[in-house]
PDB file of N, CA and C in Angstrom:
ATOM      1  N   MET A   1      77.416 291.258 -87.582  1.00  0.00           N
ATOM      2  CA  MET A   1      76.508 290.419 -86.956  1.00  0.00           C
ATOM      3  C   MET A   1      77.641 290.282 -85.467  1.00  0.00           C
ATOM      4  N   VAL A   2      77.517 290.369 -84.018  1.00  0.00           N
ATOM      5  CA  VAL A   2      77.535 289.978 -83.414  1.00  0.00           C
ATOM      6  C   VAL A   2      77.215 289.845 -82.502  1.00  0.00           C
ATOM      7  N   ALA A   3      77.469 288.783 -81.377  1.00  0.00           N
ATOM      8  CA  ALA A   3      76.847 288.759 -80.435  1.00  0.00           C
ATOM      9  C   ALA A   3      76.629 289.348 -78.935  1.00  0.00           C
ATOM     10  N   PRO A   4      75.698 289.624 -78.553  1.00  0.00           N
ATOM     11  CA  PRO A   4      76.038 290.759 -77.374  1.00  0.00           C
ATOM     12  C   PRO A   4      76.397 290.529 -76.584  1.00  0.00           C
ATOM     13  N   SER A   5      76.822 291.285 -75.483  1.00  0.00           N
ATOM     14  CA  SER A   5      78.012 291.273 -74.960  1.00  0.00           C
ATOM     15  C   SER A   5      77.265 291.097 -73.330  1.00  0.00           C
ATOM     16  N   ARG A   6      76.389 291.823 -73.723  1.00  0.00           N
ATOM     17  CA  ARG A   6      75.951 292.108 -72.246  1.00  0.00           C
ATOM     18  C   ARG A   6      75.264 291.425 -72.137  1.00  0.00           C
ATOM     19  N   ARG A   7      74.415 290.020 -72.619  1.00  0.00           N
ATOM     20  CA  ARG A   7      73.699 289.581 -71.674  1.00  0.00           C
ATOM     21  C   ARG A   7      74.287 288.212 -72.207  1.00  0.00           C
ATOM     22  N   ALA A   8      73.234 286.859 -71.371  1.00  0.00           N
ATOM     23  CA  ALA A   8      73.792 285.812 -70.692  1.00  0.00           C
ATOM     24  C   ALA A   8      73.647 284.469 -72.562  1.00  0.00           C
ATOM     25  N   ASP A   9      72.897 285.385 -73.431  1.00  0.00           N
ATOM     26  CA  ASP A   9      72.781 284.527 -74.091  1.00  0.00           C
ATOM     27  C   ASP A   9      73.007 283.638 -75.387  1.00  0.00           C
ATOM     28  N   SER A  10      72.217 282.717 -76.115  1.00  0.00           N
ATOM     29  CA  SER A  10      73.249 281.399 -76.378  1.00  0.00           C
ATOM     30  C   SER A  10      74.125 282.274 -77.597  1.00  0.00           C
ATOM     31  N   PRO A  11      75.364 281.775 -77.813  1.00  0.00           N
ATOM     32  CA  PRO A  11      76.311 281.950 -78.132  1.00  0.00           C
ATOM     33  C   PRO A  11      75.758 282.653 -80.111  1.00  0.00           C
ATOM     34  N   ARG A  12      74.537 282.089 -80.519  1.00  0.00           N
ATOM     35  CA  ARG A  12      74.656 282.061 -82.381  1.00  0.00           C
ATOM     36  C   ARG A  12      73.752 282.932 -81.991  1.00  0.00           C
ATOM     37  N   THR A  13      73.069 283.457 -80.651  1.00  0.00           N
ATOM     38  CA  THR A  13      71.872 284.766 -80.699  1.00  0.00           C
ATOM     39  C   THR A  13      73.448 286.236 -81.895  1.00  0.00           C
ATOM     40  N   LEU A  14      72.793 287.135 -82.378  1.00  0.00           N
ATOM     41  CA  LEU A  14      73.509 287.698 -83.234  1.00  0.00           C
ATOM     42  C   LEU A  14      72.838 289.128 -82.804  1.00  0.00           C
ATOM     43  N   ARG A  15      72.779 290.423 -82.861  1.00  0.00           N
ATOM     44  CA  ARG A  15      72.583 291.971 -83.710  1.00  0.00           C
ATOM     45  C   ARG A  15      73.215 292.750 -84.355  1.00  0.00           C
ATOM     46  N   ARG A  16      72.331 293.436 -84.819  1.00  0.00           N
ATOM     47  CA  ARG A  16      72.935 294.607 -86.158  1.00  0.00           C
ATOM     48  C   ARG A  16      73.643 295.377 -85.038  1.00  0.00           C
ATOM     49  N   LEU A  17      75.511 295.144 -86.067  1.00  0.00           N
ATOM     50  CA  LEU A  17      75.870 296.799 -85.025  1.00  0.00           C
ATOM     51  C   LEU A  17      75.657 297.537 -85.941  1.00  0.00           C
ATOM     52  N   ASN A  18      75.924 299.347 -85.576  1.00  0.00           N
ATOM     53  CA  ASN A  18      76.069 300.625 -86.294  1.00  0.00           C
ATOM     54  C   ASN A  18      74.539 300.666 -87.010  1.00  0.00           C
ATOM     55  N   VAL A  19      73.185 300.559 -86.650  1.00  0.00           N
ATOM     56  CA  VAL A  19      71.876 300.422 -86.894  1.00  0.00           C
ATOM     57  C   VAL A  19      71.206 301.910 -86.642  1.00  0.00           C
ATOM     58  N   PRO A  20      70.961 302.714 -88.044  1.00  0.00           N
ATOM     59  CA  PRO A  20      71.265 304.000 -87.822  1.00  0.00           C
ATOM     60  C   PRO A  20      69.897 304.278 -87.203  1.00  0.00           C
ATOM     61  N   ARG A  21      70.116 305.929 -86.508  1.00  0.00           N
ATOM     62  CA  ARG A  21      68.680 305.918 -86.094  1.00  0.00           C
ATOM     63  C   ARG A  21      68.277 307.530 -86.327  1.00  0.00           C
ATOM     64  N   SER A  22      66.907 307.843 -86.372  1.00  0.00           N
ATOM     65  CA  SER A  22      66.288 308.570 -86.592  1.00  0.00           C
ATOM     66  C   SER A  22      66.204 310.261 -86.096  1.00  0.00           C
ATOM     67  N   VAL A  23      66.555 310.648 -86.626  1.00  0.00           N
ATOM     68  CA  VAL A  23      66.753 312.755 -86.714  1.00  0.00           C
ATOM     69  C   VAL A  23      65.795 313.728 -86.893  1.00  0.00           C
ATOM     70  N   GLU A  24      65.817 314.435 -86.012  1.00  0.00           N
ATOM     71  CA  GLU A  24      64.507 315.852 -86.674  1.00  0.00           C
ATOM     72  C   GLU A  24      66.538 316.946 -86.628  1.00  0.00           C
ATOM     73  N   VAL A  25      65.731 316.984 -87.806  1.00  0.00           N
ATOM     74  CA  VAL A  25      67.200 318.404 -88.524  1.00  0.00           C
ATOM     75  C   VAL A  25      66.772 318.992 -88.864  1.00  0.00           C
ATOM     76  N   ARG A  26      67.082 320.477 -88.943  1.00  0.00           N
ATOM     77  CA  ARG A  26      66.313 322.045 -89.712  1.00  0.00           C
ATOM     78  C   ARG A  26      67.234 322.016 -90.684  1.00  0.00           C
ATOM     79  N   ILE A  27      67.085 322.360 -91.609  1.00  0.00           N
ATOM     80  CA  ILE A  27      68.170 322.509 -92.839  1.00  0.00           C
ATOM     81  C   ILE A  27      67.610 324.320 -93.374  1.00  0.00           C
ATOM     82  N   ASP A  28      69.150 324.609 -93.854  1.00  0.00           N
ATOM     83  CA  ASP A  28      69.143 325.666 -94.763  1.00  0.00           C
ATOM     84  C   ASP A  28      67.815 326.008 -95.614  1.00  0.00           C
ATOM     85  N   GLU A  29      68.157 327.428 -96.943  1.00  0.00           N
ATOM     86  CA  GLU A  29      68.023 327.729 -98.028  1.00  0.00           C
ATOM     87  C   GLU A  29      67.721 326.538 -99.081  1.00  0.00           C
ATOM     88  N   ALA A  30      69.359 326.027 -98.545  1.00  0.00           N
ATOM     89  CA  ALA A  30      69.895 324.834 -99.567  1.00  0.00           C
ATOM     90  C   ALA A  30      70.357 323.959 -99.562  1.00  0.00           C
ATOM     91  N   GLY A  31      69.733 323.016 -98.804  1.00  0.00           N
ATOM     92  CA  GLY A  31      69.206 322.201 -97.775  1.00  0.00           C
ATOM     93  C   GLY A  31      70.453 321.236 -97.086  1.00  0.00           C
ATOM     94  N   ALA A  32      70.928 321.687 -96.341  1.00  0.00           N
ATOM     95  CA  ALA A  32      72.158 321.269 -95.176  1.00  0.00           C
ATOM     96  C   ALA A  32      71.765 321.821 -94.123  1.00  0.00           C
ATOM     97  N   PRO A  33      71.843 320.651 -92.986  1.00  0.00           N
ATOM     98  CA  PRO A  33      71.583 320.955 -92.097  1.00  0.00           C
ATOM     99  C   PRO A  33      72.655 321.705 -91.316  1.00  0.00           C
ATOM    100  N   ASN A  34      71.216 323.010 -90.944  1.00  0.00           N
ATOM    101  CA  ASN A  34      71.744 323.132 -89.677  1.00  0.00           C
ATOM    102  C   ASN A  34      71.748 323.950 -87.690  1.00  0.00           C
ATOM    103  N   ALA A  35      71.090 322.017 -87.917  1.00  0.00           N
ATOM    104  CA  ALA A  35      70.535 321.953 -86.317  1.00  0.00           C
ATOM    105  C   ALA A  35      70.088 320.643 -86.384  1.00  0.00           C
ATOM    106  N   LEU A  36      69.929 319.534 -85.534  1.00  0.00           N
ATOM    107  CA  LEU A  36      69.574 318.891 -84.468  1.00  0.00           C
ATOM    108  C   LEU A  36      69.149 318.915 -83.927  1.00  0.00           C
ATOM    109  N   ARG A  37      68.171 317.823 -83.100  1.00  0.00           N
ATOM    110  CA  ARG A  37      67.307 318.205 -82.353  1.00  0.00           C
ATOM    111  C   ARG A  37      67.901 317.287 -80.679  1.00  0.00           C
ATOM    112  N   ARG A  38      68.471 317.372 -80.496  1.00  0.00           N
ATOM    113  CA  ARG A  38      69.185 316.819 -79.016  1.00  0.00           C
ATOM    114  C   ARG A  38      68.370 316.771 -77.662  1.00  0.00           C
ATOM    115  N   GLY A  39      67.570 315.062 -77.393  1.00  0.00           N
ATOM    116  CA  GLY A  39      66.342 315.734 -76.353  1.00  0.00           C
ATOM    117  C   GLY A  39      65.709 316.214 -76.581  1.00  0.00           C
ATOM    118  N   SER A  40      64.997 318.182 -75.961  1.00  0.00           N
ATOM    119  CA  SER A  40      64.223 318.783 -76.225  1.00  0.00           C
ATOM    120  C   SER A  40      64.929 320.420 -76.340  1.00  0.00           C
ATOM    121  N   GLY A  41      65.755 319.657 -77.142  1.00  0.00           N
ATOM    122  CA  GLY A  41      66.566 321.026 -77.420  1.00  0.00           C
ATOM    123  C   GLY A  41      66.506 320.806 -79.024  1.00  0.00           C
ATOM    124  N   TRP A  42      67.762 322.185 -79.422  1.00  0.00           N
ATOM    125  CA  TRP A  42      67.766 321.491 -80.640  1.00  0.00           C
ATOM    126  C   TRP A  42      69.443 322.397 -80.709  1.00  0.00           C
ATOM    127  N   LEU A  43      70.431 321.950 -81.194  1.00  0.00           N
ATOM    128  CA  LEU A  43      71.562 321.813 -81.430  1.00  0.00           C
ATOM    129  C   LEU A  43      72.014 322.847 -82.631  1.00  0.00           C
ATOM    130  N   ARG A  44      72.809 323.786 -82.754  1.00  0.00           N
ATOM    131  CA  ARG A  44      73.218 324.379 -84.190  1.00  0.00           C
ATOM    132  C   ARG A  44      74.436 324.250 -83.824  1.00  0.00           C
ATOM    133  N   VAL A  45      74.457 323.487 -85.509  1.00  0.00           N
ATOM    134  CA  VAL A  45      75.652 323.393 -86.649  1.00  0.00           C
ATOM    135  C   VAL A  45      76.942 324.313 -87.162  1.00  0.00           C
ATOM    136  N   VAL A  46      77.353 323.898 -86.215  1.00  0.00           N
ATOM    137  CA  VAL A  46      78.835 325.078 -86.709  1.00  0.00           C
ATOM    138  C   VAL A  46      79.137 325.430 -87.738  1.00  0.00           C
ATOM    139  N   GLU A  47      79.826 323.224 -87.632  1.00  0.00           N
ATOM    140  CA  GLU A  47      80.597 323.536 -89.433  1.00  0.00           C
ATOM    141  C   GLU A  47      80.436 322.028 -90.605  1.00  0.00           C
ATOM    142  N   GLN A  48      80.639 321.798 -90.973  1.00  0.00           N
ATOM    143  CA  GLN A  48      79.896 320.929 -92.076  1.00  0.00           C
ATOM    144  C   GLN A  48      81.441 320.925 -91.740  1.00  0.00           C
ATOM    145  N   LEU A  49      81.985 319.538 -92.145  1.00  0.00           N
ATOM    146  CA  LEU A  49      83.472 319.226 -92.271  1.00  0.00           C
ATOM    147  C   LEU A  49      83.779 318.347 -93.531  1.00  0.00           C
ATOM    148  N   ASP A  50      81.986 317.427 -93.405  1.00  0.00           N
ATOM    149  CA  ASP A  50      82.202 316.756 -95.350  1.00  0.00           C
ATOM    150  C   ASP A  50      81.451 316.178 -95.964  1.00  0.00           C
ATOM    151  N   ARG A  51      80.865 315.994 -95.957  1.00  0.00           N
ATOM    152  CA  ARG A  51      79.905 316.022 -97.168  1.00  0.00           C
ATOM    153  C   ARG A  51      79.972 315.438 -98.999  1.00  0.00           C
ATOM    154  N   TYR A  52      79.285 313.951 -99.083  1.00  0.00           N
ATOM    155  CA  TYR A  52      79.223 312.723 -99.882  1.00  0.00           C
ATOM    156  C   TYR A  52      78.088 312.039-100.077  1.00  0.00           C
ATOM    157  N   ARG A  53      78.128 311.629-101.254  1.00  0.00           N
ATOM    158  CA  ARG A  53      76.826 310.699-101.788  1.00  0.00           C
ATOM    159  C   ARG A  53      77.013 310.140-101.856  1.00  0.00           C
ATOM    160  N   THR A  54      76.462 308.528-101.969  1.00  0.00           N
ATOM    161  CA  THR A  54      76.270 307.407-101.374  1.00  0.00           C
ATOM    162  C   THR A  54      74.875 306.652-102.947  1.00  0.00           C
ATOM    163  N   GLY A  55      75.446 305.117-103.304  1.00  0.00           N
ATOM    164  CA  GLY A  55      74.225 305.214-103.796  1.00  0.00           C
ATOM    165  C   GLY A  55      74.179 303.655-103.905  1.00  0.00           C
ATOM    166  N   ASP A  56      73.554 302.727-104.226  1.00  0.00           N
ATOM    167  CA  ASP A  56      74.139 301.116-103.586  1.00  0.00           C
ATOM    168  C   ASP A  56      72.722 300.612-103.862  1.00  0.00           C
ATOM    169  N   ARG A  57      72.908 299.207-104.520  1.00  0.00           N
ATOM    170  CA  ARG A  57      72.176 297.932-104.360  1.00  0.00           C
ATOM    171  C   ARG A  57      70.618 298.415-105.604  1.00  0.00           C
ATOM    172  N   TRP A  58      71.255 299.256-106.732  1.00  0.00           N
ATOM    173  CA  TRP A  58      70.357 299.759-107.811  1.00  0.00           C
ATOM    174  C   TRP A  58      69.875 298.907-108.417  1.00  0.00           C
ATOM    175  N   TRP A  59      69.730 297.941-107.897  1.00  0.00           N
ATOM    176  CA  TRP A  59      69.740 296.507-109.302  1.00  0.00           C
ATOM    177  C   TRP A  59      68.339 295.461-108.357  1.00  0.00           C
ATOM    178  N   THR A  60      68.178 295.998-106.814  1.00  0.00           N
ATOM    179  CA  THR A  60      67.183 295.521-106.097  1.00  0.00           C
ATOM    180  C   THR A  60      66.324 295.877-106.547  1.00  0.00           C
ATOM    181  N   ASP A  61      64.830 295.050-105.270  1.00  0.00           N
ATOM    182  CA  ASP A  61      64.314 296.024-104.860  1.00  0.00           C
ATOM    183  C   ASP A  61      63.896 296.854-103.877  1.00  0.00           C
ATOM    184  N   GLN A  62      65.305 296.966-103.337  1.00  0.00           N
ATOM    185  CA  GLN A  62      65.500 298.520-102.062  1.00  0.00           C
ATOM    186  C   GLN A  62      66.578 299.608-101.972  1.00  0.00           C
ATOM    187  N   PRO A  63      66.920 299.546-103.580  1.00  0.00           N
ATOM    188  CA  PRO A  63      68.108 299.861-103.449  1.00  0.00           C
ATOM    189  C   PRO A  63      68.642 301.691-102.400  1.00  0.00           C
ATOM    190  N   ILE A  64      69.616 301.606-102.834  1.00  0.00           N
ATOM    191  CA  ILE A  64      69.340 302.765-101.414  1.00  0.00           C
ATOM    192  C   ILE A  64      70.491 304.125-102.255  1.00  0.00           C
ATOM    193  N   ALA A  65      70.071 305.813-102.013  1.00  0.00           N
ATOM    194  CA  ALA A  65      70.944 306.606-102.468  1.00  0.00           C
ATOM    195  C   ALA A  65      70.493 307.655-100.988  1.00  0.00           C
ATOM    196  N   ARG A  66      71.782 307.999-100.271  1.00  0.00           N
ATOM    197  CA  ARG A  66      71.591 308.846 -98.984  1.00  0.00           C
ATOM    198  C   ARG A  66      72.712 309.616 -99.293  1.00  0.00           C
ATOM    199  N   THR A  67      73.020 310.612 -98.615  1.00  0.00           N
ATOM    200  CA  THR A  67      73.779 312.326 -98.728  1.00  0.00           C
ATOM    201  C   THR A  67      74.184 311.958 -97.180  1.00  0.00           C
ATOM    202  N   TYR A  68      75.531 311.957 -96.890  1.00  0.00           N
ATOM    203  CA  TYR A  68      75.936 311.935 -95.420  1.00  0.00           C
ATOM    204  C   TYR A  68      76.679 313.543 -95.399  1.00  0.00           C
ATOM    205  N   TYR A  69      76.461 314.343 -94.456  1.00  0.00           N
ATOM    206  CA  TYR A  69      77.483 315.271 -93.611  1.00  0.00           C
ATOM    207  C   TYR A  69      78.200 314.240 -92.647  1.00  0.00           C
ATOM    208  N   GLU A  70      79.222 315.231 -92.072  1.00  0.00           N
ATOM    209  CA  GLU A  70      79.609 314.731 -90.982  1.00  0.00           C
ATOM    210  C   GLU A  70      79.490 316.547 -90.398  1.00  0.00           C
ATOM    211  N   LEU A  71      79.423 315.985 -89.299  1.00  0.00           N
ATOM    212  CA  LEU A  71      79.690 318.059 -88.672  1.00  0.00           C
ATOM    213  C   LEU A  71      79.676 318.077 -87.478  1.00  0.00           C
ATOM    214  N   LEU A  72      79.964 319.319 -87.541  1.00  0.00           N
ATOM    215  CA  LEU A  72      80.205 319.397 -86.196  1.00  0.00           C
ATOM    216  C   LEU A  72      79.254 320.370 -84.984  1.00  0.00           C
ATOM    217  N   LEU A  73      78.607 319.820 -83.905  1.00  0.00           N
ATOM    218  CA  LEU A  73      77.707 320.652 -83.441  1.00  0.00           C
ATOM    219  C   LEU A  73      78.474 321.546 -82.226  1.00  0.00           C
ATOM    220  N   GLU A  74      77.750 322.755 -81.622  1.00  0.00           N
ATOM    221  CA  GLU A  74      78.013 323.755 -80.933  1.00  0.00           C
ATOM    222  C   GLU A  74      78.271 322.800 -79.038  1.00  0.00           C
ATOM    223  N   ASP A  75      78.506 322.364 -79.290  1.00  0.00           N
ATOM    224  CA  ASP A  75      78.427 321.239 -77.613  1.00  0.00           C
ATOM    225  C   ASP A  75      79.913 320.724 -78.070  1.00  0.00           C
ATOM    226  N   GLY A  76      81.069 320.600 -79.704  1.00  0.00           N
ATOM    227  CA  GLY A  76      82.404 320.121 -79.794  1.00  0.00           C
ATOM    228  C   GLY A  76      81.669 318.726 -79.975  1.00  0.00           C
ATOM    229  N   ARG A  77      81.101 317.945 -80.203  1.00  0.00           N
ATOM    230  CA  ARG A  77      80.795 316.353 -80.126  1.00  0.00           C
ATOM    231  C   ARG A  77      80.498 317.024 -82.601  1.00  0.00           C
ATOM    232  N   SER A  78      81.168 316.025 -82.540  1.00  0.00           N
ATOM    233  CA  SER A  78      81.241 315.345 -84.369  1.00  0.00           C
ATOM    234  C   SER A  78      80.352 314.437 -84.380  1.00  0.00           C
ATOM    235  N   VAL A  79      78.898 314.619 -85.484  1.00  0.00           N
ATOM    236  CA  VAL A  79      78.282 313.339 -85.120  1.00  0.00           C
ATOM    237  C   VAL A  79      78.143 313.351 -87.500  1.00  0.00           C
ATOM    238  N   THR A  80      77.738 311.871 -87.642  1.00  0.00           N
ATOM    239  CA  THR A  80      77.970 311.903 -88.749  1.00  0.00           C
ATOM    240  C   THR A  80      75.508 311.523 -89.144  1.00  0.00           C
ATOM    241  N   ILE A  81      75.352 312.211 -90.436  1.00  0.00           N
ATOM    242  CA  ILE A  81      73.771 311.981 -90.682  1.00  0.00           C
ATOM    243  C   ILE A  81      74.038 311.363 -91.964  1.00  0.00           C
ATOM    244  N   PHE A  82      72.958 311.561 -92.111  1.00  0.00           N
ATOM    245  CA  PHE A  82      72.856 310.717 -94.003  1.00  0.00           C
ATOM    246  C   PHE A  82      71.396 311.367 -94.134  1.00  0.00           C
ATOM    247  N   HIS A  83      70.573 312.003 -95.442  1.00  0.00           N
ATOM    248  CA  HIS A  83      69.190 312.612 -95.780  1.00  0.00           C
ATOM    249  C   HIS A  83      69.453 310.972 -96.733  1.00  0.00           C
ATOM    250  N   ASP A  84      67.958 310.267 -96.797  1.00  0.00           N
ATOM    251  CA  ASP A  84      67.885 309.023 -97.420  1.00  0.00           C
ATOM    252  C   ASP A  84      66.797 309.584 -98.669  1.00  0.00           C
ATOM    253  N   ASP A  85      67.591 309.928 -99.750  1.00  0.00           N
ATOM    254  CA  ASP A  85      66.830 310.568-100.817  1.00  0.00           C
ATOM    255  C   ASP A  85      65.810 309.743-101.187  1.00  0.00           C
ATOM    256  N   LEU A  86      65.534 308.378-101.340  1.00  0.00           N
ATOM    257  CA  LEU A  86      64.563 308.345-101.767  1.00  0.00           C
ATOM    258  C   LEU A  86      63.401 308.054-100.793  1.00  0.00           C
ATOM    259  N   ARG A  87      63.614 308.731 -99.750  1.00  0.00           N
ATOM    260  CA  ARG A  87      62.880 308.126 -98.864  1.00  0.00           C
ATOM    261  C   ARG A  87      62.576 309.493 -97.827  1.00  0.00           C
ATOM    262  N   ASP A  88      63.333 310.594 -98.421  1.00  0.00           N
ATOM    263  CA  ASP A  88      62.667 311.667 -97.619  1.00  0.00           C
ATOM    264  C   ASP A  88      63.299 311.804 -96.195  1.00  0.00           C
ATOM    265  N   ALA A  89      64.006 311.143 -95.175  1.00  0.00           N
ATOM    266  CA  ALA A  89      64.199 310.920 -93.397  1.00  0.00           C
ATOM    267  C   ALA A  89      65.883 310.881 -94.209  1.00  0.00           C
ATOM    268  N   TRP A  90      65.664 311.339 -92.066  1.00  0.00           N
ATOM    269  CA  TRP A  90      67.301 311.858 -91.357  1.00  0.00           C
ATOM    270  C   TRP A  90      67.486 310.993 -90.402  1.00  0.00           C
ATOM    271  N   HIS A  91      68.846 309.915 -90.821  1.00  0.00           N
ATOM    272  CA  HIS A  91      68.962 309.397 -89.807  1.00  0.00           C
ATOM    273  C   HIS A  91      70.209 309.823 -89.329  1.00  0.00           C
ATOM    274  N   GLU A  92      70.794 309.211 -88.209  1.00  0.00           N
ATOM    275  CA  GLU A  92      72.234 309.197 -87.308  1.00  0.00           C
ATOM    276  C   GLU A  92      72.535 308.561 -88.183  1.00  0.00           C
ATOM    277  N   GLN A  93      73.606 308.090 -88.261  1.00  0.00           N
ATOM    278  CA  GLN A  93      74.580 306.917 -88.455  1.00  0.00           C
ATOM    279  C   GLN A  93      75.942 306.915 -87.318  1.00  0.00           C
ATOM    280  N   ARG A  94      76.091 305.828 -85.976  1.00  0.00           N
ATOM    281  CA  ARG A  94      76.304 306.134 -84.787  1.00  0.00           C
ATOM    282  C   ARG A  94      77.805 304.968 -85.340  1.00  0.00           C
ATOM    283  N   TYR A  95      79.041 304.630 -85.165  1.00  0.00           N
ATOM    284  CA  TYR A  95      80.011 303.756 -85.317  1.00  0.00           C
ATOM    285  C   TYR A  95      80.857 303.148 -84.658  1.00  0.00           C
ATOM    286  N   GLY A  96      81.029 302.322 -83.715  1.00  0.00           N
ATOM    287  CA  GLY A  96      81.256 301.455 -82.792  1.00  0.00           C
ATOM    288  C   GLY A  96      80.239 301.570 -81.887  1.00  0.00           C
TER     289      GLY A  96
END
């Protein structure tokens, strides 16, 4: 966590970095994403660049089980999204 840079808050004010945002995803027959909603339209996935699974905190009451996808969209952007396998929800992971 870091202090917000655009506000004159107290130096002790913190905010979370890289918080995932919900995203609408269309999937193919195999369950892989093939389109993402952007604004009022959909962008097609041109290529799946990477896919990996992660599991953590299995010993707590809030475990994590996610399948991450790095995707190339038809507008040339590369995005990282993940499927929350425990809650059946899609999120976009932004970095920076």
